[in-house]
Amino acid sequence: MSLWDRMDPKEAEIVQGFMSAHPVKVGELANALGLKVFRSPLPPKISGLIRPTSEGNGEYEVRINKYEVPERQRFTLAHEIAHFLIHKDDIQGGVIDSVMYRSALSSRKEAEANRLAADIIMPMNAVKQELARQGGAATEQVAEILAGIFKVSLPAMRVRLGIS
């Protein structure tokens, strides 16, 4: 079963609607999913967290470390969205993700959230189209260009292109 098959179909449809333009507007995506997002002063080495709101009304809040670079913040938000989409039952007490996207959840679940986050902010079809526009070769220079287009870090784009 794919990660996409594990999502609520309505939520998957919302996500796919945002993936048609790049860079994907992850903040607007979070809002469309009903998530409350805050850029907050989090401790060093904590990139983000997702937890139920204090109102206890079934809503969730996401906090992103405001001291990290924008590309990192975008990926962290996509990562927390991924937890919301595929690990809702596991985040009732909150999930705090370190800089290396480690949490109290299993490493498998963190890897799943990373994969889904990459799928969301670097849709493979869009990456392939942009790669073709750049001549088709996944070079370091092309990775830098694509990282700028998708507003992600160069290491994230290298991984996506398979040149890490």
N, C-alpha and C. Protein backbone atom coordinates (compact mmCIF):
# COMPACT_ATOMS: atom_id res chain seq x y z
N MET A 1 0.84 -1.18 0.00
CA MET A 1 0.00 0.00 0.00
C MET A 1 0.89 1.24 0.00
N SER A 2 0.63 2.16 -0.92
CA SER A 2 1.44 3.37 -1.01
C SER A 2 1.04 4.35 0.09
N LEU A 3 1.92 5.32 0.33
CA LEU A 3 1.60 6.36 1.31
C LEU A 3 0.34 7.11 0.91
N TRP A 4 0.16 7.31 -0.38
CA TRP A 4 -1.02 8.03 -0.87
C TRP A 4 -2.29 7.24 -0.61
N ASP A 5 -2.21 5.92 -0.67
CA ASP A 5 -3.38 5.08 -0.41
C ASP A 5 -3.80 5.11 1.05
N ARG A 6 -2.89 5.51 1.92
CA ARG A 6 -3.18 5.54 3.36
C ARG A 6 -3.84 6.85 3.78
N MET A 7 -3.93 7.80 2.88
CA MET A 7 -4.53 9.10 3.19
C MET A 7 -6.04 9.08 3.04
N ASP A 8 -6.67 9.98 3.74
CA ASP A 8 -8.09 10.23 3.51
C ASP A 8 -8.21 10.73 2.06
N PRO A 9 -9.10 10.17 1.26
CA PRO A 9 -9.19 10.57 -0.15
C PRO A 9 -9.43 12.07 -0.36
N LYS A 10 -10.22 12.69 0.50
CA LYS A 10 -10.47 14.14 0.36
C LYS A 10 -9.20 14.93 0.61
N GLU A 11 -8.43 14.51 1.62
CA GLU A 11 -7.18 15.20 1.90
C GLU A 11 -6.17 14.98 0.79
N ALA A 12 -6.11 13.77 0.24
CA ALA A 12 -5.21 13.49 -0.88
C ALA A 12 -5.55 14.37 -2.07
N GLU A 13 -6.83 14.56 -2.31
CA GLU A 13 -7.26 15.41 -3.43
C GLU A 13 -6.82 16.86 -3.21
N ILE A 14 -6.92 17.34 -1.97
CA ILE A 14 -6.47 18.70 -1.66
C ILE A 14 -4.97 18.82 -1.94
N VAL A 15 -4.20 17.86 -1.43
CA VAL A 15 -2.74 17.89 -1.62
C VAL A 15 -2.40 17.89 -3.11
N GLN A 16 -3.01 16.99 -3.87
CA GLN A 16 -2.70 16.90 -5.30
C GLN A 16 -3.06 18.19 -6.03
N GLY A 17 -4.09 18.87 -5.59
CA GLY A 17 -4.45 20.14 -6.19
C GLY A 17 -3.34 21.18 -6.03
N PHE A 18 -2.64 21.15 -4.92
CA PHE A 18 -1.56 22.10 -4.68
C PHE A 18 -0.27 21.71 -5.40
N MET A 19 -0.14 20.44 -5.77
CA MET A 19 1.09 19.96 -6.39
C MET A 19 1.17 20.30 -7.87
N SER A 20 0.13 20.89 -8.43
CA SER A 20 0.14 21.18 -9.87
C SER A 20 0.95 22.42 -10.21
N ALA A 21 1.27 23.25 -9.25
CA ALA A 21 2.10 24.45 -9.48
C ALA A 21 3.31 24.36 -8.57
N HIS A 22 4.43 24.86 -9.07
CA HIS A 22 5.62 24.86 -8.21
C HIS A 22 6.29 26.22 -8.26
N PRO A 23 6.88 26.67 -7.17
CA PRO A 23 6.99 25.88 -5.94
C PRO A 23 5.62 25.68 -5.30
N VAL A 24 5.43 24.52 -4.71
CA VAL A 24 4.18 24.20 -4.03
C VAL A 24 4.02 25.16 -2.85
N LYS A 25 2.85 25.70 -2.71
CA LYS A 25 2.57 26.66 -1.64
C LYS A 25 2.17 25.87 -0.39
N VAL A 26 3.20 25.45 0.37
CA VAL A 26 2.95 24.56 1.51
C VAL A 26 2.17 25.24 2.62
N GLY A 27 2.36 26.53 2.80
CA GLY A 27 1.59 27.24 3.82
C GLY A 27 0.11 27.24 3.48
N GLU A 28 -0.21 27.51 2.22
CA GLU A 28 -1.61 27.48 1.79
C GLU A 28 -2.17 26.07 1.85
N LEU A 29 -1.34 25.08 1.53
CA LEU A 29 -1.77 23.68 1.64
C LEU A 29 -2.14 23.36 3.08
N ALA A 30 -1.28 23.74 4.01
CA ALA A 30 -1.55 23.48 5.43
C ALA A 30 -2.88 24.12 5.84
N ASN A 31 -3.10 25.35 5.41
CA ASN A 31 -4.37 26.04 5.73
C ASN A 31 -5.55 25.29 5.14
N ALA A 32 -5.42 24.83 3.90
CA ALA A 32 -6.51 24.12 3.23
C ALA A 32 -6.84 22.82 3.96
N LEU A 33 -5.84 22.24 4.62
CA LEU A 33 -6.05 21.01 5.39
C LEU A 33 -6.55 21.29 6.80
N GLY A 34 -6.67 22.57 7.14
CA GLY A 34 -7.17 22.94 8.46
C GLY A 34 -6.10 23.01 9.54
N LEU A 35 -4.83 23.00 9.14
CA LEU A 35 -3.74 23.09 10.10
C LEU A 35 -3.44 24.55 10.41
N LYS A 36 -3.16 24.83 11.67
CA LYS A 36 -2.76 26.17 12.09
C LYS A 36 -1.25 26.18 12.17
N VAL A 37 -0.61 27.04 11.38
CA VAL A 37 0.84 27.04 11.29
C VAL A 37 1.40 28.31 11.94
N PHE A 38 2.44 28.11 12.75
CA PHE A 38 3.11 29.21 13.42
C PHE A 38 4.61 29.08 13.21
N ARG A 39 5.26 30.19 12.90
CA ARG A 39 6.72 30.23 12.92
C ARG A 39 7.07 30.65 14.33
N SER A 40 7.79 29.81 15.03
CA SER A 40 8.02 30.01 16.46
C SER A 40 9.50 29.89 16.79
N PRO A 41 9.92 30.54 17.88
CA PRO A 41 11.29 30.34 18.35
C PRO A 41 11.38 28.99 19.07
N LEU A 42 11.83 27.99 18.37
CA LEU A 42 11.98 26.65 18.95
C LEU A 42 13.44 26.47 19.36
N PRO A 43 13.69 25.56 20.28
CA PRO A 43 15.07 25.31 20.70
C PRO A 43 15.94 24.88 19.52
N PRO A 44 17.24 25.16 19.60
CA PRO A 44 18.14 24.67 18.55
C PRO A 44 17.97 23.16 18.39
N LYS A 45 18.11 22.69 17.18
CA LYS A 45 17.99 21.27 16.83
C LYS A 45 16.55 20.78 16.77
N ILE A 46 15.57 21.64 17.04
CA ILE A 46 14.17 21.26 16.86
C ILE A 46 13.66 22.03 15.64
N SER A 47 13.33 21.29 14.59
CA SER A 47 12.89 21.92 13.34
C SER A 47 11.41 22.23 13.34
N GLY A 48 10.62 21.36 13.96
CA GLY A 48 9.18 21.59 13.94
C GLY A 48 8.46 20.60 14.80
N LEU A 49 7.16 20.84 14.94
CA LEU A 49 6.33 19.93 15.71
C LEU A 49 4.89 20.05 15.23
N ILE A 50 4.15 19.00 15.46
CA ILE A 50 2.72 19.00 15.20
C ILE A 50 2.04 18.40 16.42
N ARG A 51 0.94 19.03 16.81
CA ARG A 51 0.20 18.54 17.97
C ARG A 51 -1.24 19.03 17.88
N PRO A 52 -2.12 18.37 18.62
CA PRO A 52 -3.50 18.86 18.68
C PRO A 52 -3.50 20.25 19.32
N THR A 53 -4.42 21.11 18.90
CA THR A 53 -4.51 22.44 19.51
C THR A 53 -4.96 22.29 20.96
N SER A 54 -4.69 23.30 21.75
CA SER A 54 -5.05 23.25 23.17
C SER A 54 -6.56 23.27 23.37
N GLU A 55 -7.30 23.70 22.36
CA GLU A 55 -8.76 23.72 22.48
C GLU A 55 -9.36 22.31 22.50
N GLY A 56 -8.61 21.34 22.02
CA GLY A 56 -9.09 19.96 22.03
C GLY A 56 -10.29 19.72 21.13
N ASN A 57 -10.35 20.45 20.03
CA ASN A 57 -11.51 20.36 19.12
C ASN A 57 -11.20 19.56 17.86
N GLY A 58 -10.18 18.73 17.91
CA GLY A 58 -9.83 17.92 16.75
C GLY A 58 -8.95 18.63 15.74
N GLU A 59 -8.55 19.86 16.03
CA GLU A 59 -7.66 20.60 15.13
C GLU A 59 -6.22 20.41 15.56
N TYR A 60 -5.32 20.68 14.63
CA TYR A 60 -3.89 20.53 14.89
C TYR A 60 -3.17 21.82 14.62
N GLU A 61 -2.07 22.01 15.35
CA GLU A 61 -1.19 23.14 15.09
C GLU A 61 0.18 22.61 14.74
N VAL A 62 0.85 23.38 13.88
CA VAL A 62 2.22 23.07 13.48
C VAL A 62 3.08 24.26 13.87
N ARG A 63 4.19 23.98 14.48
CA ARG A 63 5.16 25.03 14.80
C ARG A 63 6.44 24.72 14.05
N ILE A 64 6.94 25.75 13.38
CA ILE A 64 8.14 25.64 12.57
C ILE A 64 9.20 26.57 13.18
N ASN A 65 10.43 26.09 13.28
CA ASN A 65 11.50 26.89 13.87
C ASN A 65 11.81 28.09 12.98
N LYS A 66 11.50 29.28 13.49
CA LYS A 66 11.66 30.50 12.70
C LYS A 66 13.12 30.87 12.47
N TYR A 67 14.03 30.22 13.16
CA TYR A 67 15.45 30.53 13.01
C TYR A 67 16.13 29.72 11.89
N GLU A 68 15.41 28.79 11.30
CA GLU A 68 16.00 28.00 10.21
C GLU A 68 15.76 28.69 8.87
N VAL A 69 16.55 28.34 7.87
CA VAL A 69 16.45 28.97 6.56
C VAL A 69 15.10 28.63 5.92
N PRO A 70 14.61 29.51 5.04
CA PRO A 70 13.28 29.29 4.45
C PRO A 70 13.10 27.93 3.78
N GLU A 71 14.12 27.43 3.08
CA GLU A 71 14.00 26.14 2.41
C GLU A 71 13.80 25.03 3.43
N ARG A 72 14.50 25.13 4.55
CA ARG A 72 14.37 24.15 5.62
C ARG A 72 12.97 24.23 6.23
N GLN A 73 12.48 25.45 6.43
CA GLN A 73 11.14 25.64 6.98
C GLN A 73 10.09 25.01 6.06
N ARG A 74 10.26 25.18 4.75
CA ARG A 74 9.30 24.60 3.80
C ARG A 74 9.28 23.08 3.90
N PHE A 75 10.47 22.48 3.95
CA PHE A 75 10.51 21.02 4.04
C PHE A 75 9.94 20.56 5.37
N THR A 76 10.27 21.26 6.45
CA THR A 76 9.74 20.89 7.76
C THR A 76 8.22 20.96 7.75
N LEU A 77 7.66 22.01 7.17
CA LEU A 77 6.20 22.11 7.11
C LEU A 77 5.62 20.95 6.30
N ALA A 78 6.23 20.63 5.17
CA ALA A 78 5.75 19.49 4.37
C ALA A 78 5.86 18.19 5.17
N HIS A 79 6.92 18.05 5.96
CA HIS A 79 7.12 16.87 6.80
C HIS A 79 6.02 16.76 7.85
N GLU A 80 5.69 17.87 8.49
CA GLU A 80 4.62 17.85 9.50
C GLU A 80 3.26 17.61 8.86
N ILE A 81 3.04 18.17 7.67
CA ILE A 81 1.81 17.87 6.92
C ILE A 81 1.73 16.37 6.65
N ALA A 82 2.86 15.78 6.28
CA ALA A 82 2.89 14.34 6.01
C ALA A 82 2.50 13.54 7.25
N HIS A 83 3.03 13.93 8.41
CA HIS A 83 2.61 13.26 9.65
C HIS A 83 1.09 13.37 9.82
N PHE A 84 0.55 14.54 9.58
CA PHE A 84 -0.89 14.75 9.70
C PHE A 84 -1.66 13.84 8.76
N LEU A 85 -1.18 13.70 7.55
CA LEU A 85 -1.89 12.92 6.54
C LEU A 85 -1.83 11.42 6.77
N ILE A 86 -0.70 10.91 7.24
CA ILE A 86 -0.56 9.46 7.31
C ILE A 86 -0.31 8.90 8.71
N HIS A 87 -0.12 9.77 9.69
CA HIS A 87 0.15 9.30 11.06
C HIS A 87 -0.75 9.97 12.09
N LYS A 88 -1.93 10.38 11.70
CA LYS A 88 -2.82 11.10 12.63
C LYS A 88 -3.00 10.38 13.96
N ASP A 89 -3.16 9.09 13.92
CA ASP A 89 -3.40 8.34 15.16
C ASP A 89 -2.19 8.37 16.10
N ASP A 90 -1.02 8.66 15.56
CA ASP A 90 0.20 8.66 16.37
C ASP A 90 0.55 10.03 16.93
N ILE A 91 -0.15 11.08 16.53
CA ILE A 91 0.25 12.42 16.96
C ILE A 91 -0.68 13.02 18.00
N GLN A 92 -1.46 12.20 18.63
CA GLN A 92 -2.40 12.73 19.62
C GLN A 92 -1.69 13.47 20.74
N GLY A 93 -0.52 13.03 21.14
CA GLY A 93 0.23 13.72 22.18
C GLY A 93 1.22 14.72 21.62
N GLY A 94 1.30 14.82 20.30
CA GLY A 94 2.24 15.71 19.65
C GLY A 94 3.48 14.97 19.18
N VAL A 95 4.07 15.47 18.11
CA VAL A 95 5.31 14.91 17.57
C VAL A 95 6.28 16.06 17.39
N ILE A 96 7.43 15.95 18.01
CA ILE A 96 8.48 16.96 17.89
C ILE A 96 9.58 16.37 17.04
N ASP A 97 9.93 17.09 15.96
CA ASP A 97 10.95 16.60 15.04
C ASP A 97 12.23 17.39 15.20
N SER A 98 13.32 16.67 15.38
CA SER A 98 14.63 17.30 15.48
C SER A 98 15.11 17.72 14.09
N VAL A 99 16.27 18.35 14.06
CA VAL A 99 16.86 18.79 12.81
C VAL A 99 17.01 17.63 11.83
N MET A 100 17.28 16.45 12.33
CA MET A 100 17.44 15.28 11.46
C MET A 100 16.11 14.54 11.28
N TYR A 101 15.00 15.23 11.60
CA TYR A 101 13.66 14.65 11.49
C TYR A 101 13.57 13.34 12.25
N ARG A 102 14.02 13.40 13.50
CA ARG A 102 13.88 12.29 14.42
C ARG A 102 12.81 12.69 15.43
N SER A 103 12.07 11.76 15.91
CA SER A 103 11.05 12.02 16.92
C SER A 103 10.86 10.75 17.73
N ALA A 104 9.86 10.77 18.57
CA ALA A 104 9.55 9.58 19.35
C ALA A 104 8.88 8.51 18.48
N LEU A 105 8.46 8.89 17.28
CA LEU A 105 7.89 7.91 16.36
C LEU A 105 9.01 7.02 15.83
N SER A 106 8.65 5.91 15.26
CA SER A 106 9.64 4.99 14.73
C SER A 106 10.39 5.63 13.56
N SER A 107 11.59 5.13 13.32
CA SER A 107 12.35 5.65 12.19
C SER A 107 11.62 5.36 10.87
N ARG A 108 10.85 4.27 10.82
CA ARG A 108 10.07 3.98 9.62
C ARG A 108 9.05 5.09 9.37
N LYS A 109 8.39 5.54 10.41
CA LYS A 109 7.38 6.60 10.24
C LYS A 109 8.03 7.93 9.90
N GLU A 110 9.20 8.19 10.45
CA GLU A 110 9.91 9.42 10.07
C GLU A 110 10.35 9.35 8.61
N ALA A 111 10.82 8.19 8.18
CA ALA A 111 11.20 8.02 6.77
C ALA A 111 9.99 8.19 5.86
N GLU A 112 8.84 7.66 6.28
CA GLU A 112 7.61 7.83 5.50
C GLU A 112 7.25 9.31 5.38
N ALA A 113 7.34 10.03 6.49
CA ALA A 113 7.02 11.46 6.47
C ALA A 113 8.00 12.21 5.56
N ASN A 114 9.27 11.83 5.58
CA ASN A 114 10.24 12.47 4.70
C ASN A 114 9.93 12.19 3.23
N ARG A 115 9.59 10.93 2.92
CA ARG A 115 9.26 10.58 1.52
C ARG A 115 8.05 11.34 1.03
N LEU A 116 7.01 11.39 1.86
CA LEU A 116 5.80 12.09 1.45
C LEU A 116 6.06 13.59 1.34
N ALA A 117 6.84 14.15 2.26
CA ALA A 117 7.19 15.57 2.18
C ALA A 117 7.91 15.87 0.87
N ALA A 118 8.85 15.02 0.49
CA ALA A 118 9.56 15.21 -0.78
C ALA A 118 8.60 15.11 -1.96
N ASP A 119 7.67 14.15 -1.90
CA ASP A 119 6.67 14.01 -2.97
C ASP A 119 5.82 15.27 -3.09
N ILE A 120 5.49 15.86 -1.96
CA ILE A 120 4.63 17.04 -1.95
C ILE A 120 5.35 18.26 -2.51
N ILE A 121 6.56 18.56 -2.03
CA ILE A 121 7.21 19.81 -2.44
C ILE A 121 8.10 19.67 -3.67
N MET A 122 8.40 18.43 -4.04
CA MET A 122 9.17 18.18 -5.26
C MET A 122 8.48 17.08 -6.06
N PRO A 123 7.27 17.34 -6.56
CA PRO A 123 6.56 16.29 -7.30
C PRO A 123 7.43 15.75 -8.43
N MET A 124 7.58 14.44 -8.48
CA MET A 124 8.51 13.84 -9.44
C MET A 124 8.21 14.21 -10.88
N ASN A 125 6.94 14.26 -11.26
CA ASN A 125 6.62 14.66 -12.64
C ASN A 125 7.12 16.07 -12.94
N ALA A 126 6.92 16.98 -11.99
CA ALA A 126 7.36 18.36 -12.19
C ALA A 126 8.89 18.43 -12.21
N VAL A 127 9.54 17.67 -11.34
CA VAL A 127 11.00 17.65 -11.33
C VAL A 127 11.53 17.13 -12.66
N LYS A 128 10.92 16.07 -13.18
CA LYS A 128 11.35 15.51 -14.47
C LYS A 128 11.15 16.51 -15.60
N GLN A 129 10.03 17.25 -15.58
CA GLN A 129 9.79 18.27 -16.61
C GLN A 129 10.85 19.36 -16.56
N GLU A 130 11.14 19.84 -15.36
CA GLU A 130 12.16 20.89 -15.21
C GLU A 130 13.54 20.35 -15.58
N LEU A 131 13.82 19.12 -15.22
CA LEU A 131 15.10 18.50 -15.58
C LEU A 131 15.23 18.44 -17.10
N ALA A 132 14.17 18.07 -17.79
CA ALA A 132 14.19 18.02 -19.26
C ALA A 132 14.44 19.41 -19.84
N ARG A 133 13.84 20.43 -19.23
CA ARG A 133 14.06 21.82 -19.70
C ARG A 133 15.51 22.24 -19.55
N GLN A 134 16.19 21.62 -18.59
CA GLN A 134 17.60 21.96 -18.34
C GLN A 134 18.55 21.05 -19.11
N GLY A 135 18.04 20.24 -20.01
CA GLY A 135 18.89 19.39 -20.83
C GLY A 135 18.85 17.92 -20.47
N GLY A 136 18.22 17.57 -19.35
CA GLY A 136 18.02 16.17 -19.02
C GLY A 136 19.06 15.52 -18.15
N ALA A 137 20.21 16.15 -17.96
CA ALA A 137 21.27 15.54 -17.15
C ALA A 137 21.20 16.07 -15.72
N ALA A 138 21.19 15.17 -14.76
CA ALA A 138 21.13 15.55 -13.35
C ALA A 138 22.53 15.87 -12.85
N THR A 139 22.98 17.07 -13.12
CA THR A 139 24.31 17.52 -12.69
C THR A 139 24.18 18.39 -11.45
N GLU A 140 25.30 18.71 -10.85
CA GLU A 140 25.32 19.59 -9.68
C GLU A 140 24.73 20.96 -10.03
N GLN A 141 25.09 21.48 -11.18
CA GLN A 141 24.58 22.79 -11.61
C GLN A 141 23.06 22.74 -11.81
N VAL A 142 22.57 21.70 -12.42
CA VAL A 142 21.13 21.56 -12.64
C VAL A 142 20.41 21.39 -11.29
N ALA A 143 21.03 20.65 -10.37
CA ALA A 143 20.43 20.49 -9.04
C ALA A 143 20.28 21.85 -8.36
N GLU A 144 21.27 22.72 -8.51
CA GLU A 144 21.18 24.06 -7.93
C GLU A 144 20.04 24.85 -8.55
N ILE A 145 19.89 24.76 -9.86
CA ILE A 145 18.81 25.48 -10.55
C ILE A 145 17.45 24.95 -10.08
N LEU A 146 17.30 23.64 -10.05
CA LEU A 146 16.02 23.05 -9.64
C LEU A 146 15.71 23.34 -8.17
N ALA A 147 16.74 23.35 -7.32
CA ALA A 147 16.52 23.69 -5.91
C ALA A 147 15.93 25.10 -5.82
N GLY A 148 16.42 26.01 -6.65
CA GLY A 148 15.87 27.37 -6.65
C GLY A 148 14.44 27.42 -7.16
N ILE A 149 14.15 26.67 -8.20
CA ILE A 149 12.80 26.64 -8.77
C ILE A 149 11.80 26.09 -7.77
N PHE A 150 12.16 25.02 -7.07
CA PHE A 150 11.24 24.37 -6.13
C PHE A 150 11.34 24.93 -4.71
N LYS A 151 12.30 25.85 -4.50
CA LYS A 151 12.53 26.47 -3.18
C LYS A 151 12.79 25.41 -2.10
N VAL A 152 13.73 24.54 -2.43
CA VAL A 152 14.17 23.52 -1.48
C VAL A 152 15.68 23.63 -1.34
N SER A 153 16.23 22.96 -0.36
CA SER A 153 17.68 22.98 -0.18
C SER A 153 18.35 22.18 -1.29
N LEU A 154 19.59 22.51 -1.54
CA LEU A 154 20.36 21.76 -2.53
C LEU A 154 20.50 20.29 -2.14
N PRO A 155 20.78 19.96 -0.85
CA PRO A 155 20.84 18.54 -0.49
C PRO A 155 19.53 17.81 -0.76
N ALA A 156 18.40 18.46 -0.51
CA ALA A 156 17.10 17.80 -0.77
C ALA A 156 16.94 17.53 -2.26
N MET A 157 17.31 18.48 -3.09
CA MET A 157 17.18 18.28 -4.54
C MET A 157 18.16 17.23 -5.03
N ARG A 158 19.36 17.20 -4.47
CA ARG A 158 20.31 16.16 -4.86
C ARG A 158 19.72 14.77 -4.60
N VAL A 159 19.10 14.60 -3.44
CA VAL A 159 18.49 13.31 -3.11
C VAL A 159 17.39 13.00 -4.11
N ARG A 160 16.56 14.01 -4.41
CA ARG A 160 15.43 13.80 -5.32
C ARG A 160 15.93 13.38 -6.70
N LEU A 161 17.05 13.95 -7.13
CA LEU A 161 17.63 13.64 -8.44
C LEU A 161 18.50 12.39 -8.43
N GLY A 162 18.75 11.86 -7.23
CA GLY A 162 19.59 10.67 -7.14
C GLY A 162 21.05 10.94 -7.33
N ILE A 163 21.51 12.16 -6.99
CA ILE A 163 22.93 12.48 -7.14
C ILE A 163 23.55 12.82 -5.79
N SER A 164 22.97 12.35 -4.71
CA SER A 164 23.49 12.73 -3.38
C SER A 164 24.75 12.04 -3.08
